[in-house]
N, C-alpha and C. Protein backbone atom coordinates (compact mmCIF):
# COMPACT_ATOMS: atom_id res chain seq x y z
N MET A 1 17.98 25.77 14.81
CA MET A 1 17.88 27.25 14.86
C MET A 1 19.24 27.71 14.81
N LYS A 2 20.06 27.03 15.07
CA LYS A 2 21.26 27.11 14.81
C LYS A 2 21.88 27.45 13.17
N LYS A 3 20.90 26.08 12.03
CA LYS A 3 20.52 25.42 11.78
C LYS A 3 20.11 26.98 10.26
N SER A 4 18.97 27.17 10.88
CA SER A 4 18.40 28.61 10.02
C SER A 4 19.37 29.25 10.07
N ILE A 5 20.08 30.46 11.21
CA ILE A 5 20.43 31.23 11.00
C ILE A 5 22.10 31.43 10.30
N ILE A 6 22.52 29.73 10.08
CA ILE A 6 23.28 30.21 8.85
C ILE A 6 22.48 29.71 7.74
N ILE A 7 21.96 29.54 6.99
CA ILE A 7 20.93 29.70 6.32
C ILE A 7 20.77 30.64 6.04
N SER A 8 20.37 31.48 6.51
CA SER A 8 19.95 33.15 6.56
C SER A 8 20.83 33.48 5.83
N PHE A 9 22.43 33.27 6.38
CA PHE A 9 23.41 33.88 6.41
C PHE A 9 23.80 34.11 4.90
N ILE A 10 23.37 32.55 4.56
CA ILE A 10 24.46 31.75 3.38
C ILE A 10 23.05 33.22 2.46
N ILE A 11 22.50 32.54 2.79
CA ILE A 11 21.53 33.58 1.88
C ILE A 11 21.70 35.11 1.40
N PHE A 12 21.82 35.93 2.33
CA PHE A 12 21.61 37.60 2.39
C PHE A 12 22.96 37.61 2.19
N ILE A 13 23.95 36.99 2.45
CA ILE A 13 25.50 37.21 1.12
C ILE A 13 25.74 36.33 0.32
N THR A 14 24.69 36.08 0.28
CA THR A 14 24.77 35.58 -1.83
C THR A 14 23.98 36.51 -2.60
N ALA A 15 22.89 37.01 -1.99
CA ALA A 15 21.76 38.07 -2.92
C ALA A 15 22.72 39.51 -2.39
N ILE A 16 24.03 39.93 -1.31
CA ILE A 16 23.69 40.46 -1.66
C ILE A 16 25.25 40.91 -2.00
N PHE A 17 25.58 39.77 -2.94
CA PHE A 17 27.22 40.18 -3.81
C PHE A 17 26.71 39.14 -5.54
N SER A 18 25.20 39.14 -4.53
CA SER A 18 24.46 39.75 -6.36
C SER A 18 24.68 40.44 -7.00
N ILE A 19 23.88 41.68 -6.00
CA ILE A 19 23.11 42.59 -6.06
C ILE A 19 24.98 43.36 -6.81
N ALA A 20 25.97 43.25 -5.91
CA ALA A 20 27.41 43.89 -6.06
C ALA A 20 27.81 43.78 -7.60
N MET A 21 28.34 42.73 -7.47
CA MET A 21 28.03 42.18 -9.21
C MET A 21 26.89 41.91 -10.43
N SER A 22 26.18 42.95 -9.96
CA SER A 22 25.58 43.59 -11.12
C SER A 22 25.64 44.53 -11.47
N SER A 23 25.54 45.21 -10.40
CA SER A 23 25.70 46.93 -10.65
C SER A 23 27.23 46.99 -10.80
N CYS A 24 27.88 46.40 -11.21
CA CYS A 24 29.28 45.68 -11.60
C CYS A 24 29.87 46.48 -13.32
N SER A 25 28.75 45.68 -13.48
CA SER A 25 28.96 45.16 -15.53
C SER A 25 27.96 46.44 -16.03
N VAL A 26 29.41 46.27 -16.73
CA VAL A 26 28.57 47.77 -18.00
C VAL A 26 28.32 47.42 -19.28
N SER A 27 26.28 48.64 -18.72
CA SER A 27 25.68 48.25 -19.76
C SER A 27 25.44 48.58 -20.93
N LYS A 28 24.61 48.43 -21.84
CA LYS A 28 25.30 48.52 -24.02
C LYS A 28 25.08 49.15 -24.09
N LYS A 29 24.13 50.01 -22.79
CA LYS A 29 23.73 52.13 -23.33
C LYS A 29 25.32 52.26 -22.91
N VAL A 30 25.73 51.93 -21.64
CA VAL A 30 26.82 52.83 -21.70
C VAL A 30 28.23 52.55 -23.04
N ALA A 31 28.11 51.01 -23.21
CA ALA A 31 29.60 50.79 -23.94
C ALA A 31 29.36 51.66 -25.27
N ASP A 32 28.22 52.29 -25.02
CA ASP A 32 27.78 51.94 -27.39
C ASP A 32 28.31 53.69 -27.13
N LYS A 33 28.76 54.63 -25.80
CA LYS A 33 28.58 56.00 -26.13
C LYS A 33 29.44 56.63 -26.96
N SER A 34 30.10 57.65 -27.78
CA SER A 34 30.59 58.10 -28.50
C SER A 34 31.74 58.42 -27.18
N GLY A 35 32.89 58.56 -28.24
CA GLY A 35 33.88 59.63 -27.42
C GLY A 35 33.25 61.36 -27.41
N ALA A 36 32.43 61.84 -27.98
CA ALA A 36 31.76 62.72 -28.33
C ALA A 36 30.57 63.01 -27.21
N GLN A 37 29.45 62.00 -26.76
CA GLN A 37 29.08 62.27 -25.38
C GLN A 37 29.94 61.99 -24.01
N LEU A 38 31.24 60.81 -24.22
CA LEU A 38 32.03 60.14 -22.68
C LEU A 38 32.40 61.94 -22.44
N TRP A 39 32.91 62.80 -23.33
CA TRP A 39 33.55 64.36 -22.82
C TRP A 39 32.69 65.38 -22.02
N ALA A 40 31.51 65.73 -22.85
CA ALA A 40 30.22 65.86 -22.11
C ALA A 40 29.41 65.39 -21.19
N GLU A 41 29.15 64.24 -21.04
CA GLU A 41 28.64 64.25 -20.14
C GLU A 41 29.02 64.36 -19.05
N ASN A 42 31.12 63.78 -18.96
CA ASN A 42 31.81 63.45 -18.36
C ASN A 42 32.52 65.04 -17.80
N CYS A 43 32.95 65.12 -19.14
CA CYS A 43 34.30 66.57 -18.63
C CYS A 43 34.32 68.52 -18.55
N ASN A 44 32.44 67.99 -18.30
CA ASN A 44 31.62 69.61 -18.17
C ASN A 44 31.33 69.16 -17.09
N ARG A 45 30.49 68.12 -16.22
CA ARG A 45 30.13 68.08 -15.05
C ARG A 45 30.61 68.29 -13.90
N CYS A 46 32.30 69.00 -14.32
CA CYS A 46 33.09 69.15 -13.00
C CYS A 46 33.73 70.63 -13.57
N HIS A 47 33.67 70.83 -14.69
CA HIS A 47 34.18 72.17 -14.93
C HIS A 47 33.85 73.10 -16.08
N ASN A 48 34.05 73.59 -16.83
CA ASN A 48 34.07 74.25 -18.11
C ASN A 48 35.33 73.61 -18.73
N ALA A 49 35.43 72.56 -19.33
CA ALA A 49 36.16 71.54 -20.00
C ALA A 49 36.64 72.18 -21.04
N PRO A 50 37.94 72.53 -21.50
CA PRO A 50 38.98 73.58 -22.90
C PRO A 50 38.00 72.62 -24.09
N GLY A 51 38.11 73.39 -25.01
CA GLY A 51 36.88 72.95 -26.01
C GLY A 51 38.50 71.77 -26.57
N PRO A 52 37.83 71.21 -27.56
CA PRO A 52 39.30 70.22 -27.90
C PRO A 52 40.19 70.94 -29.45
N GLY A 53 39.70 71.77 -29.24
CA GLY A 53 41.18 72.68 -30.05
C GLY A 53 41.66 72.97 -29.27
N GLU A 54 41.51 72.75 -28.22
CA GLU A 54 42.12 73.96 -26.90
C GLU A 54 44.33 72.82 -26.28
N PHE A 55 44.53 72.29 -27.52
CA PHE A 55 46.35 71.48 -27.18
C PHE A 55 45.77 71.06 -27.96
N ASN A 56 47.03 70.64 -27.89
CA ASN A 56 47.42 69.57 -29.28
C ASN A 56 47.32 68.20 -29.07
N ASN A 57 47.82 67.34 -29.61
CA ASN A 57 47.71 65.19 -29.65
C ASN A 57 48.15 64.85 -28.80
N ASP A 58 49.37 65.45 -27.85
CA ASP A 58 50.36 65.26 -26.74
C ASP A 58 49.47 65.13 -25.40
N ASN A 59 48.83 67.43 -25.88
CA ASN A 59 48.69 67.56 -24.77
C ASN A 59 47.51 66.74 -23.70
N TRP A 60 47.11 66.22 -24.74
CA TRP A 60 45.33 65.60 -24.80
C TRP A 60 45.76 63.77 -23.87
N GLU A 61 46.76 63.42 -24.37
CA GLU A 61 46.98 61.91 -24.27
C GLU A 61 47.44 62.61 -22.46
N ILE A 62 48.10 63.90 -22.54
CA ILE A 62 48.64 63.34 -20.79
C ILE A 62 46.59 64.17 -20.03
N VAL A 63 46.60 65.14 -20.72
CA VAL A 63 44.91 65.58 -19.95
C VAL A 63 44.83 64.06 -19.24
N GLY A 64 44.76 63.32 -20.52
CA GLY A 64 43.30 62.39 -20.24
C GLY A 64 44.05 60.71 -19.48
N MET A 65 44.82 60.88 -18.87
CA MET A 65 45.35 60.19 -17.98
C MET A 65 45.05 60.51 -16.90
N HIS A 66 45.63 62.03 -16.63
CA HIS A 66 44.97 62.18 -15.32
C HIS A 66 43.43 62.42 -15.12
N MET A 67 42.79 62.92 -15.81
CA MET A 67 41.37 62.62 -16.26
C MET A 67 41.06 61.89 -15.95
N GLN A 68 41.69 60.76 -16.49
CA GLN A 68 40.66 59.33 -16.58
C GLN A 68 40.25 59.11 -14.90
N VAL A 69 41.90 59.09 -14.13
CA VAL A 69 41.42 57.99 -13.03
C VAL A 69 40.63 59.85 -11.70
N ARG A 70 40.65 61.13 -12.23
CA ARG A 70 39.39 61.66 -11.49
C ARG A 70 38.47 61.84 -11.76
N ALA A 71 38.08 61.09 -12.95
CA ALA A 71 36.15 60.93 -13.64
C ALA A 71 36.25 59.57 -13.23
N ASN A 72 37.37 59.15 -13.69
CA ASN A 72 36.77 57.97 -12.72
C ASN A 72 36.23 56.95 -14.25
N LEU A 73 36.68 57.09 -15.27
CA LEU A 73 36.82 56.43 -16.48
C LEU A 73 37.49 55.22 -16.84
N THR A 74 36.89 54.18 -17.76
CA THR A 74 37.58 53.36 -18.43
C THR A 74 38.37 53.11 -18.89
N GLN A 75 39.07 52.91 -18.96
CA GLN A 75 40.57 53.12 -20.38
C GLN A 75 40.04 53.19 -21.04
N THR A 76 38.78 52.45 -21.89
CA THR A 76 37.90 52.05 -22.64
C THR A 76 37.53 53.59 -23.45
N ASP A 77 36.72 54.02 -22.19
CA ASP A 77 35.69 55.27 -22.30
C ASP A 77 36.97 56.66 -22.40
N ILE A 78 38.14 56.62 -21.91
CA ILE A 78 39.49 57.72 -22.19
C ILE A 78 39.58 57.07 -23.27
N THR A 79 39.50 56.02 -23.89
CA THR A 79 40.60 56.48 -25.47
C THR A 79 39.47 57.07 -26.38
N LYS A 80 38.27 56.88 -26.55
CA LYS A 80 37.16 57.40 -26.89
C LYS A 80 37.47 58.67 -27.01
N VAL A 81 36.71 59.33 -25.44
CA VAL A 81 37.34 60.24 -25.70
C VAL A 81 38.78 60.85 -25.76
N ILE A 82 39.56 60.68 -26.26
CA ILE A 82 41.20 61.29 -26.57
C ILE A 82 41.21 60.96 -28.21
N ASP A 83 39.86 59.91 -28.51
CA ASP A 83 40.69 59.83 -29.92
C ASP A 83 39.45 61.59 -30.06
N PHE A 84 37.93 61.16 -29.90
CA PHE A 84 37.60 62.73 -30.14
C PHE A 84 37.89 63.81 -30.21
N LEU A 85 38.32 63.95 -29.41
CA LEU A 85 39.59 65.51 -28.69
C LEU A 85 40.96 65.31 -29.95
N LYS A 86 41.44 64.39 -30.09
CA LYS A 86 42.25 64.76 -31.38
C LYS A 86 41.98 64.81 -32.42
N SER A 87 41.39 63.74 -33.31
CA SER A 87 40.16 64.04 -34.65
C SER A 87 39.78 65.14 -34.83
N ALA A 88 39.14 66.33 -34.02
CA ALA A 88 38.70 67.73 -33.44
C ALA A 88 39.64 68.68 -33.97
N ASN A 89 40.95 68.19 -33.93
CA ASN A 89 42.32 69.00 -34.07
C ASN A 89 43.04 69.10 -35.39
N ASN A 90 42.35 68.10 -35.79
CA ASN A 90 42.63 68.14 -37.65
C ASN A 90 42.05 68.41 -38.07
């Protein structure tokens, strides 16, 4: 009886760990998104985001650092967004 409880517990923990790890991986679909897509999906989700031409390149760097934390974006995602915003300034 005790042995079956221990085995069940180990199987349960393994299943939970497997589910948690699979949900943490970035899908190819998300990784392939452009800076413009990420900007539209993440910045406009919470507020009316300023247009790409409303800040200069240095200001977009500052905004990006602040919003990366608030929007829970990866470094890769925020780099894509900032690159998109900077390209719109040129």
